[in-house]
Amino acid sequence: TAIDSYGDRLLAFKKRSVDIINIASPDDASWFLEETKQYMGVSWPEAVKKTQYGLLWVNEQGLFLYNGNRIVNLICNRYNWIII
């Protein structure tokens, strides 16, 4: 449903999953699938946005950020955002 890149990774979004593809090599024959994350897909391309912090997307499971190293669900830790 959507595709975008961040750094040397390509994220291919399906409705129920996202594939993280390593595209660091200039030869596309050397690209490889790093991992597939279930329940992190999107229903429409507009749900994915590139930011200065990484790729951000939203679905029924949460609000996710891929920073080039890992995927973080920002909604799960929403109470940590409050500074007392």
N, C-alpha and C. Protein backbone atom coordinates (compact mmCIF):
# COMPACT_ATOMS: atom_id res chain seq x y z
N THR A 1 0.80 -1.20 0.00
CA THR A 1 0.00 0.00 0.00
C THR A 1 0.85 1.27 0.00
N ALA A 2 2.12 1.16 0.50
CA ALA A 2 3.02 2.32 0.50
C ALA A 2 4.46 1.83 0.51
N ILE A 3 5.35 2.70 0.04
CA ILE A 3 6.79 2.39 0.07
C ILE A 3 7.54 3.69 0.28
N ASP A 4 8.56 3.63 1.14
CA ASP A 4 9.38 4.81 1.41
C ASP A 4 10.74 4.34 1.90
N SER A 5 11.70 5.25 1.93
CA SER A 5 13.04 4.89 2.36
C SER A 5 13.49 5.80 3.49
N TYR A 6 14.41 5.27 4.28
CA TYR A 6 15.08 6.05 5.30
C TYR A 6 16.49 5.51 5.43
N GLY A 7 17.47 6.38 5.21
CA GLY A 7 18.86 5.92 5.22
C GLY A 7 19.07 4.92 4.10
N ASP A 8 19.65 3.79 4.43
CA ASP A 8 19.87 2.74 3.43
C ASP A 8 18.88 1.58 3.60
N ARG A 9 17.67 1.92 4.06
CA ARG A 9 16.61 0.92 4.22
C ARG A 9 15.39 1.37 3.42
N LEU A 10 14.72 0.40 2.85
CA LEU A 10 13.48 0.61 2.13
C LEU A 10 12.38 -0.08 2.93
N LEU A 11 11.32 0.63 3.24
CA LEU A 11 10.21 0.04 3.97
C LEU A 11 9.04 -0.13 3.01
N ALA A 12 8.63 -1.36 2.83
CA ALA A 12 7.52 -1.70 1.94
C ALA A 12 6.32 -2.08 2.82
N PHE A 13 5.31 -1.24 2.78
CA PHE A 13 4.14 -1.43 3.62
C PHE A 13 3.06 -2.20 2.88
N LYS A 14 2.55 -3.22 3.54
CA LYS A 14 1.38 -3.95 3.08
C LYS A 14 0.25 -3.60 4.05
N LYS A 15 -0.91 -4.17 3.85
CA LYS A 15 -2.03 -3.85 4.75
C LYS A 15 -1.81 -4.33 6.18
N ARG A 16 -1.14 -5.48 6.35
CA ARG A 16 -0.97 -6.03 7.70
C ARG A 16 0.48 -6.13 8.15
N SER A 17 1.43 -5.83 7.30
CA SER A 17 2.83 -5.97 7.67
C SER A 17 3.70 -4.95 6.96
N VAL A 18 4.94 -4.86 7.42
CA VAL A 18 5.92 -3.99 6.77
C VAL A 18 7.21 -4.80 6.61
N ASP A 19 7.81 -4.71 5.43
CA ASP A 19 9.08 -5.37 5.14
C ASP A 19 10.18 -4.32 5.17
N ILE A 20 11.27 -4.62 5.87
CA ILE A 20 12.42 -3.73 5.91
C ILE A 20 13.50 -4.36 5.04
N ILE A 21 13.88 -3.65 3.97
CA ILE A 21 14.80 -4.17 2.97
C ILE A 21 16.08 -3.33 3.03
N ASN A 22 17.22 -4.01 3.16
CA ASN A 22 18.51 -3.34 3.18
C ASN A 22 18.94 -3.06 1.75
N ILE A 23 19.09 -1.79 1.42
CA ILE A 23 19.46 -1.39 0.06
C ILE A 23 20.81 -0.66 0.06
N ALA A 24 21.69 -1.01 1.00
CA ALA A 24 22.98 -0.34 1.14
C ALA A 24 23.88 -0.57 -0.06
N SER A 25 23.77 -1.71 -0.70
CA SER A 25 24.62 -2.03 -1.84
C SER A 25 24.15 -1.29 -3.10
N PRO A 26 25.08 -0.76 -3.90
CA PRO A 26 24.67 -0.13 -5.15
C PRO A 26 24.13 -1.13 -6.18
N ASP A 27 24.45 -2.40 -5.98
CA ASP A 27 23.97 -3.45 -6.87
C ASP A 27 22.65 -4.00 -6.31
N ASP A 28 21.55 -3.77 -7.03
CA ASP A 28 20.24 -4.20 -6.50
C ASP A 28 20.14 -5.71 -6.32
N ALA A 29 20.99 -6.48 -6.94
CA ALA A 29 20.99 -7.93 -6.74
C ALA A 29 21.48 -8.30 -5.34
N SER A 30 22.16 -7.36 -4.68
CA SER A 30 22.67 -7.61 -3.33
C SER A 30 21.73 -7.10 -2.23
N TRP A 31 20.62 -6.49 -2.60
CA TRP A 31 19.65 -6.05 -1.60
C TRP A 31 19.05 -7.28 -0.93
N PHE A 32 18.68 -7.17 0.34
CA PHE A 32 18.09 -8.32 1.02
C PHE A 32 17.06 -7.87 2.05
N LEU A 33 16.13 -8.76 2.33
CA LEU A 33 15.09 -8.52 3.31
C LEU A 33 15.67 -8.72 4.70
N GLU A 34 15.66 -7.67 5.51
CA GLU A 34 16.17 -7.77 6.88
C GLU A 34 15.15 -8.39 7.82
N GLU A 35 13.92 -7.90 7.74
CA GLU A 35 12.87 -8.45 8.60
C GLU A 35 11.50 -8.03 8.12
N THR A 36 10.51 -8.77 8.59
CA THR A 36 9.11 -8.48 8.34
C THR A 36 8.43 -8.33 9.69
N LYS A 37 7.73 -7.23 9.86
CA LYS A 37 7.01 -6.98 11.11
C LYS A 37 5.52 -7.10 10.85
N GLN A 38 4.88 -8.02 11.55
CA GLN A 38 3.45 -8.23 11.43
C GLN A 38 2.69 -7.15 12.21
N TYR A 39 1.47 -6.87 11.78
CA TYR A 39 0.55 -5.92 12.43
C TYR A 39 1.08 -4.49 12.41
N MET A 40 1.98 -4.17 11.51
CA MET A 40 2.52 -2.82 11.41
C MET A 40 2.29 -2.22 10.03
N GLY A 41 1.38 -2.81 9.26
CA GLY A 41 1.09 -2.30 7.93
C GLY A 41 0.17 -1.10 7.97
N VAL A 42 -0.13 -0.58 6.80
CA VAL A 42 -1.02 0.58 6.69
C VAL A 42 -2.08 0.31 5.63
N SER A 43 -3.21 0.97 5.79
CA SER A 43 -4.31 0.78 4.86
C SER A 43 -4.25 1.74 3.67
N TRP A 44 -3.53 2.85 3.81
CA TRP A 44 -3.46 3.83 2.74
C TRP A 44 -2.08 4.50 2.77
N PRO A 45 -1.58 4.94 1.63
CA PRO A 45 -0.24 5.54 1.55
C PRO A 45 -0.08 6.81 2.39
N GLU A 46 -1.15 7.54 2.59
CA GLU A 46 -1.07 8.79 3.35
C GLU A 46 -0.77 8.57 4.82
N ALA A 47 -0.82 7.34 5.30
CA ALA A 47 -0.54 7.03 6.70
C ALA A 47 0.96 7.01 6.99
N VAL A 48 1.80 7.14 5.97
CA VAL A 48 3.26 7.11 6.13
C VAL A 48 3.83 8.48 5.78
N LYS A 49 4.65 9.03 6.67
CA LYS A 49 5.29 10.33 6.43
C LYS A 49 6.76 10.26 6.84
N LYS A 50 7.61 10.92 6.04
CA LYS A 50 9.02 11.02 6.37
C LYS A 50 9.23 12.28 7.19
N THR A 51 9.99 12.15 8.30
CA THR A 51 10.30 13.28 9.15
C THR A 51 11.81 13.36 9.32
N GLN A 52 12.28 14.38 10.01
CA GLN A 52 13.71 14.50 10.27
C GLN A 52 14.18 13.43 11.25
N TYR A 53 13.26 12.79 11.95
CA TYR A 53 13.59 11.76 12.93
C TYR A 53 13.50 10.35 12.38
N GLY A 54 12.90 10.19 11.20
CA GLY A 54 12.71 8.88 10.60
C GLY A 54 11.37 8.79 9.91
N LEU A 55 10.96 7.57 9.61
CA LEU A 55 9.65 7.34 9.01
C LEU A 55 8.61 7.16 10.11
N LEU A 56 7.50 7.85 9.95
CA LEU A 56 6.43 7.83 10.92
C LEU A 56 5.18 7.29 10.23
N TRP A 57 4.48 6.36 10.87
CA TRP A 57 3.22 5.88 10.31
C TRP A 57 2.26 5.49 11.42
N VAL A 58 0.99 5.46 11.04
CA VAL A 58 -0.06 5.16 12.00
C VAL A 58 -0.97 4.08 11.43
N ASN A 59 -1.44 3.21 12.32
CA ASN A 59 -2.45 2.22 11.97
C ASN A 59 -3.29 1.93 13.20
N GLU A 60 -4.10 0.92 13.16
CA GLU A 60 -4.98 0.59 14.27
C GLU A 60 -4.21 0.14 15.51
N GLN A 61 -2.96 -0.30 15.34
CA GLN A 61 -2.15 -0.82 16.45
C GLN A 61 -1.36 0.26 17.17
N GLY A 62 -1.12 1.40 16.50
CA GLY A 62 -0.33 2.44 17.16
C GLY A 62 0.23 3.47 16.21
N LEU A 63 1.13 4.26 16.75
CA LEU A 63 1.86 5.29 16.02
C LEU A 63 3.33 4.87 16.06
N PHE A 64 3.91 4.60 14.91
CA PHE A 64 5.24 4.00 14.85
C PHE A 64 6.26 4.94 14.25
N LEU A 65 7.50 4.82 14.72
CA LEU A 65 8.62 5.58 14.19
C LEU A 65 9.75 4.61 13.91
N TYR A 66 10.26 4.64 12.66
CA TYR A 66 11.47 3.88 12.31
C TYR A 66 12.60 4.89 12.21
N ASN A 67 13.61 4.75 13.07
CA ASN A 67 14.68 5.73 13.13
C ASN A 67 15.96 5.28 12.42
N GLY A 68 15.88 4.22 11.67
CA GLY A 68 17.05 3.68 10.98
C GLY A 68 17.63 2.47 11.68
N ASN A 69 17.30 2.30 12.96
CA ASN A 69 17.78 1.16 13.74
C ASN A 69 16.67 0.24 14.21
N ARG A 70 15.58 0.85 14.65
CA ARG A 70 14.48 0.05 15.19
C ARG A 70 13.16 0.76 15.02
N ILE A 71 12.09 0.02 15.25
CA ILE A 71 10.73 0.57 15.20
C ILE A 71 10.26 0.76 16.64
N VAL A 72 9.74 1.94 16.92
CA VAL A 72 9.23 2.27 18.25
C VAL A 72 7.75 2.62 18.11
N ASN A 73 6.93 2.02 18.98
CA ASN A 73 5.51 2.39 19.04
C ASN A 73 5.39 3.56 20.01
N LEU A 74 5.17 4.74 19.50
CA LEU A 74 5.14 5.95 20.32
C LEU A 74 3.93 6.01 21.25
N ILE A 75 2.86 5.33 20.91
CA ILE A 75 1.67 5.35 21.77
C ILE A 75 1.87 4.50 23.02
N CYS A 76 2.61 3.41 22.94
CA CYS A 76 2.82 2.55 24.11
C CYS A 76 3.53 3.29 25.23
N ASN A 77 4.38 4.24 24.90
CA ASN A 77 5.14 4.96 25.91
C ASN A 77 4.69 6.41 26.05
N ARG A 78 3.43 6.68 25.77
CA ARG A 78 2.98 8.07 25.74
C ARG A 78 3.09 8.75 27.10
N TYR A 79 3.02 8.03 28.20
CA TYR A 79 3.11 8.66 29.51
C TYR A 79 4.54 9.06 29.84
N ASN A 80 5.52 8.52 29.13
CA ASN A 80 6.91 8.92 29.33
C ASN A 80 7.21 10.27 28.71
N TRP A 81 6.31 10.79 27.89
CA TRP A 81 6.53 12.08 27.25
C TRP A 81 6.36 13.23 28.22
N ILE A 82 5.62 12.99 29.31
CA ILE A 82 5.31 14.06 30.25
C ILE A 82 6.53 14.29 31.16
N ILE A 83 7.01 15.52 31.18
CA ILE A 83 8.15 15.87 32.03
C ILE A 83 7.59 16.57 33.26
N ILE A 84 7.91 16.03 34.41
CA ILE A 84 7.39 16.58 35.67
C ILE A 84 8.46 17.42 36.35
